[in-house]
Structure formats: structure tokens, C-alpha cells
Amino acid sequence: MNMHARIELFGGPEDGREITLPVSAEGEPLSPLPVPAPRNSGEDEGVAWYERDHHRGRGMWIYRYANSRSPRQSELP
């Protein structure tokens, strides 16, 4: 069994980027997926969040841009 999945990101600041992630015991990668801002951006842009959308087969998963949150933001209302 393949313990990694290829992820293709759609939309948002990381559109078109492909990454490889470990999968869970169920064979699915983590969702939602936090993607840190690029190091060379020069700004504290926080994190872009992508959610698993669908499986393309052969270990390729498509994730769609959900929103951006600062890593310092609280999850509480």
C-alpha cells in the first residue's frame, strides 16, 4: 500500500502547486490542509487553507482553496 499521496492545489496563492503528503490509516491525506506562506514572500501572510475536493486516481488528490487565516488567530469566536 502506498503511504503517500500526491496533492494538487487549485485556487488561492498556491494554485497549481503539487506536494506529496503521508496518508492516514484510511488511505486519505489530511483535510483541511494548511499551506504556509512562501518563505521568500517577505511578509507574514499566514497560512492558506485547502480542503480535499476529490480523488483523481493513482494516488492523486485535488484540494481546493478554502481561505486564509493567520497562524496567530484564535479559533474561538
N, C-alpha and C. Protein backbone atom coordinates (compact mmCIF):
# COMPACT_ATOMS: atom_id res chain seq x y z
N MET A 1 0.84 -1.19 0.00
CA MET A 1 0.00 0.00 0.00
C MET A 1 0.88 1.24 0.00
N ASN A 2 0.53 2.23 -0.83
CA ASN A 2 1.27 3.48 -0.89
C ASN A 2 0.92 4.33 0.33
N MET A 3 1.92 4.75 1.07
CA MET A 3 1.70 5.52 2.29
C MET A 3 1.78 7.03 2.06
N HIS A 4 1.84 7.44 0.79
CA HIS A 4 1.89 8.85 0.45
C HIS A 4 0.90 9.14 -0.68
N ALA A 5 0.46 10.38 -0.73
CA ALA A 5 -0.45 10.81 -1.80
C ALA A 5 0.10 12.07 -2.44
N ARG A 6 -0.11 12.20 -3.72
CA ARG A 6 0.23 13.44 -4.42
C ARG A 6 -0.97 14.37 -4.31
N ILE A 7 -0.70 15.63 -4.02
CA ILE A 7 -1.74 16.64 -3.84
C ILE A 7 -1.53 17.74 -4.86
N GLU A 8 -2.60 18.10 -5.58
CA GLU A 8 -2.55 19.25 -6.48
C GLU A 8 -3.47 20.31 -5.91
N LEU A 9 -2.94 21.54 -5.74
CA LEU A 9 -3.70 22.64 -5.15
C LEU A 9 -4.34 23.50 -6.24
N PHE A 10 -5.62 23.83 -6.05
CA PHE A 10 -6.36 24.67 -7.00
C PHE A 10 -6.84 25.92 -6.30
N GLY A 11 -6.61 27.07 -6.93
CA GLY A 11 -7.07 28.35 -6.40
C GLY A 11 -6.12 28.90 -5.35
N GLY A 12 -6.38 30.13 -4.94
CA GLY A 12 -5.59 30.75 -3.88
C GLY A 12 -4.15 31.00 -4.27
N PRO A 13 -3.34 31.31 -3.27
CA PRO A 13 -1.95 31.70 -3.53
C PRO A 13 -1.05 30.56 -4.00
N GLU A 14 -1.44 29.33 -3.82
CA GLU A 14 -0.60 28.19 -4.20
C GLU A 14 -1.16 27.43 -5.40
N ASP A 15 -2.01 28.07 -6.19
CA ASP A 15 -2.64 27.44 -7.34
C ASP A 15 -1.61 26.76 -8.25
N GLY A 16 -1.86 25.49 -8.56
CA GLY A 16 -1.00 24.74 -9.46
C GLY A 16 0.13 24.01 -8.77
N ARG A 17 0.38 24.29 -7.49
CA ARG A 17 1.47 23.64 -6.76
C ARG A 17 1.13 22.18 -6.51
N GLU A 18 2.12 21.30 -6.62
CA GLU A 18 1.95 19.88 -6.29
C GLU A 18 2.86 19.55 -5.12
N ILE A 19 2.32 18.81 -4.15
CA ILE A 19 3.08 18.38 -2.99
C ILE A 19 2.78 16.91 -2.73
N THR A 20 3.60 16.27 -1.90
CA THR A 20 3.38 14.88 -1.51
C THR A 20 3.22 14.84 0.00
N LEU A 21 2.19 14.12 0.47
CA LEU A 21 1.89 14.02 1.90
C LEU A 21 1.68 12.57 2.31
N PRO A 22 1.95 12.25 3.58
CA PRO A 22 1.60 10.92 4.09
C PRO A 22 0.08 10.79 4.17
N VAL A 23 -0.42 9.57 4.11
CA VAL A 23 -1.86 9.33 4.21
C VAL A 23 -2.20 8.71 5.56
N SER A 24 -3.46 8.80 5.94
CA SER A 24 -3.95 8.22 7.20
C SER A 24 -4.12 6.72 7.04
N ALA A 25 -4.51 6.07 8.10
CA ALA A 25 -4.76 4.62 8.07
C ALA A 25 -5.88 4.28 7.08
N GLU A 26 -6.79 5.24 6.84
CA GLU A 26 -7.89 5.05 5.90
C GLU A 26 -7.45 5.25 4.45
N GLY A 27 -6.19 5.68 4.25
CA GLY A 27 -5.69 5.88 2.90
C GLY A 27 -5.96 7.25 2.32
N GLU A 28 -6.36 8.20 3.17
CA GLU A 28 -6.66 9.55 2.70
C GLU A 28 -5.73 10.56 3.35
N PRO A 29 -5.32 11.59 2.60
CA PRO A 29 -4.49 12.64 3.19
C PRO A 29 -5.31 13.57 4.09
N LEU A 30 -4.62 14.31 4.92
CA LEU A 30 -5.21 15.27 5.85
C LEU A 30 -6.09 16.30 5.13
N SER A 31 -7.19 16.70 5.75
CA SER A 31 -8.03 17.78 5.25
C SER A 31 -8.73 18.42 6.43
N PRO A 32 -8.77 19.73 6.55
CA PRO A 32 -8.17 20.73 5.66
C PRO A 32 -6.65 20.74 5.79
N LEU A 33 -6.01 21.24 4.76
CA LEU A 33 -4.56 21.25 4.66
C LEU A 33 -4.05 22.67 4.80
N PRO A 34 -3.26 22.96 5.86
CA PRO A 34 -2.66 24.30 5.97
C PRO A 34 -1.38 24.38 5.15
N VAL A 35 -1.26 25.38 4.30
CA VAL A 35 -0.07 25.57 3.49
C VAL A 35 0.56 26.89 3.90
N PRO A 36 1.74 26.86 4.54
CA PRO A 36 2.38 28.11 4.98
C PRO A 36 2.70 29.02 3.81
N ALA A 37 2.72 30.33 4.08
CA ALA A 37 3.10 31.30 3.07
C ALA A 37 4.53 31.04 2.64
N PRO A 38 4.86 31.29 1.38
CA PRO A 38 6.23 31.07 0.91
C PRO A 38 7.23 31.87 1.72
N ARG A 39 8.38 31.28 2.01
CA ARG A 39 9.41 31.95 2.80
C ARG A 39 9.95 33.20 2.12
N ASN A 40 9.98 33.22 0.81
CA ASN A 40 10.54 34.35 0.08
C ASN A 40 9.53 35.46 -0.16
N SER A 41 8.34 35.37 0.47
CA SER A 41 7.32 36.39 0.24
C SER A 41 7.67 37.70 0.92
N GLY A 42 8.50 37.65 1.98
CA GLY A 42 8.91 38.87 2.66
C GLY A 42 7.86 39.42 3.60
N GLU A 43 6.72 38.79 3.70
CA GLU A 43 5.65 39.26 4.56
C GLU A 43 5.11 38.12 5.38
N ASP A 44 4.47 38.47 6.50
CA ASP A 44 3.81 37.46 7.34
C ASP A 44 2.39 37.30 6.81
N GLU A 45 2.24 36.45 5.79
CA GLU A 45 0.95 36.29 5.14
C GLU A 45 0.09 35.21 5.78
N GLY A 46 0.62 34.52 6.78
CA GLY A 46 -0.17 33.49 7.44
C GLY A 46 -0.16 32.18 6.69
N VAL A 47 -1.32 31.55 6.67
CA VAL A 47 -1.46 30.21 6.12
C VAL A 47 -2.63 30.19 5.15
N ALA A 48 -2.47 29.52 4.03
CA ALA A 48 -3.58 29.29 3.10
C ALA A 48 -4.14 27.91 3.41
N TRP A 49 -5.45 27.80 3.50
CA TRP A 49 -6.11 26.53 3.82
C TRP A 49 -6.76 25.95 2.58
N TYR A 50 -6.48 24.67 2.34
CA TYR A 50 -7.05 23.93 1.22
C TYR A 50 -7.80 22.73 1.76
N GLU A 51 -8.94 22.41 1.14
CA GLU A 51 -9.75 21.27 1.56
C GLU A 51 -9.78 20.22 0.46
N ARG A 52 -9.74 18.96 0.88
CA ARG A 52 -9.78 17.84 -0.06
C ARG A 52 -11.07 17.93 -0.87
N ASP A 53 -10.94 17.88 -2.19
CA ASP A 53 -12.10 18.01 -3.07
C ASP A 53 -12.46 16.65 -3.68
N HIS A 54 -11.51 16.03 -4.37
CA HIS A 54 -11.79 14.72 -4.95
C HIS A 54 -10.49 13.97 -5.25
N HIS A 55 -10.66 12.69 -5.50
CA HIS A 55 -9.54 11.79 -5.80
C HIS A 55 -9.51 11.55 -7.29
N ARG A 56 -8.36 11.77 -7.90
CA ARG A 56 -8.23 11.58 -9.34
C ARG A 56 -7.79 10.18 -9.71
N GLY A 57 -7.40 9.40 -8.72
CA GLY A 57 -6.87 8.06 -9.01
C GLY A 57 -5.36 8.08 -9.02
N ARG A 58 -4.77 6.87 -8.93
CA ARG A 58 -3.31 6.72 -8.93
C ARG A 58 -2.63 7.58 -7.87
N GLY A 59 -3.27 7.74 -6.72
CA GLY A 59 -2.65 8.46 -5.62
C GLY A 59 -2.69 9.97 -5.72
N MET A 60 -3.44 10.54 -6.69
CA MET A 60 -3.52 11.99 -6.86
C MET A 60 -4.82 12.52 -6.27
N TRP A 61 -4.70 13.49 -5.36
CA TRP A 61 -5.85 14.14 -4.75
C TRP A 61 -5.88 15.61 -5.15
N ILE A 62 -7.07 16.13 -5.36
CA ILE A 62 -7.26 17.54 -5.70
C ILE A 62 -7.77 18.26 -4.45
N TYR A 63 -7.11 19.35 -4.10
CA TYR A 63 -7.51 20.20 -2.97
C TYR A 63 -7.87 21.58 -3.50
N ARG A 64 -8.96 22.14 -3.01
CA ARG A 64 -9.42 23.46 -3.43
C ARG A 64 -9.17 24.48 -2.32
N TYR A 65 -8.83 25.68 -2.72
CA TYR A 65 -8.57 26.76 -1.78
C TYR A 65 -9.82 27.05 -0.96
N ALA A 66 -9.67 27.13 0.36
CA ALA A 66 -10.81 27.40 1.24
C ALA A 66 -10.77 28.84 1.75
N ASN A 67 -9.65 29.25 2.36
CA ASN A 67 -9.50 30.62 2.85
C ASN A 67 -8.10 30.80 3.43
N SER A 68 -7.83 31.99 3.94
CA SER A 68 -6.55 32.25 4.61
C SER A 68 -6.82 32.66 6.04
N ARG A 69 -5.97 32.21 6.94
CA ARG A 69 -6.04 32.60 8.34
C ARG A 69 -4.62 32.85 8.81
N SER A 70 -4.46 33.78 9.70
CA SER A 70 -3.15 33.98 10.31
C SER A 70 -2.94 32.88 11.33
N PRO A 71 -1.73 32.35 11.44
CA PRO A 71 -1.49 31.29 12.43
C PRO A 71 -1.69 31.78 13.85
N ARG A 72 -1.73 33.09 14.06
CA ARG A 72 -1.94 33.63 15.40
C ARG A 72 -3.41 33.87 15.72
N GLN A 73 -4.30 33.71 14.76
CA GLN A 73 -5.72 33.91 15.02
C GLN A 73 -6.26 32.80 15.89
N SER A 74 -7.16 33.15 16.77
CA SER A 74 -7.79 32.17 17.64
C SER A 74 -8.94 31.49 16.92
N GLU A 75 -9.17 30.25 17.23
CA GLU A 75 -10.31 29.52 16.67
C GLU A 75 -11.59 29.83 17.43
N LEU A 76 -11.48 30.51 18.55
CA LEU A 76 -12.66 30.82 19.36
C LEU A 76 -13.35 32.05 18.83
N PRO A 77 -14.69 32.13 18.98
CA PRO A 77 -15.42 33.31 18.47
C PRO A 77 -15.06 34.58 19.20
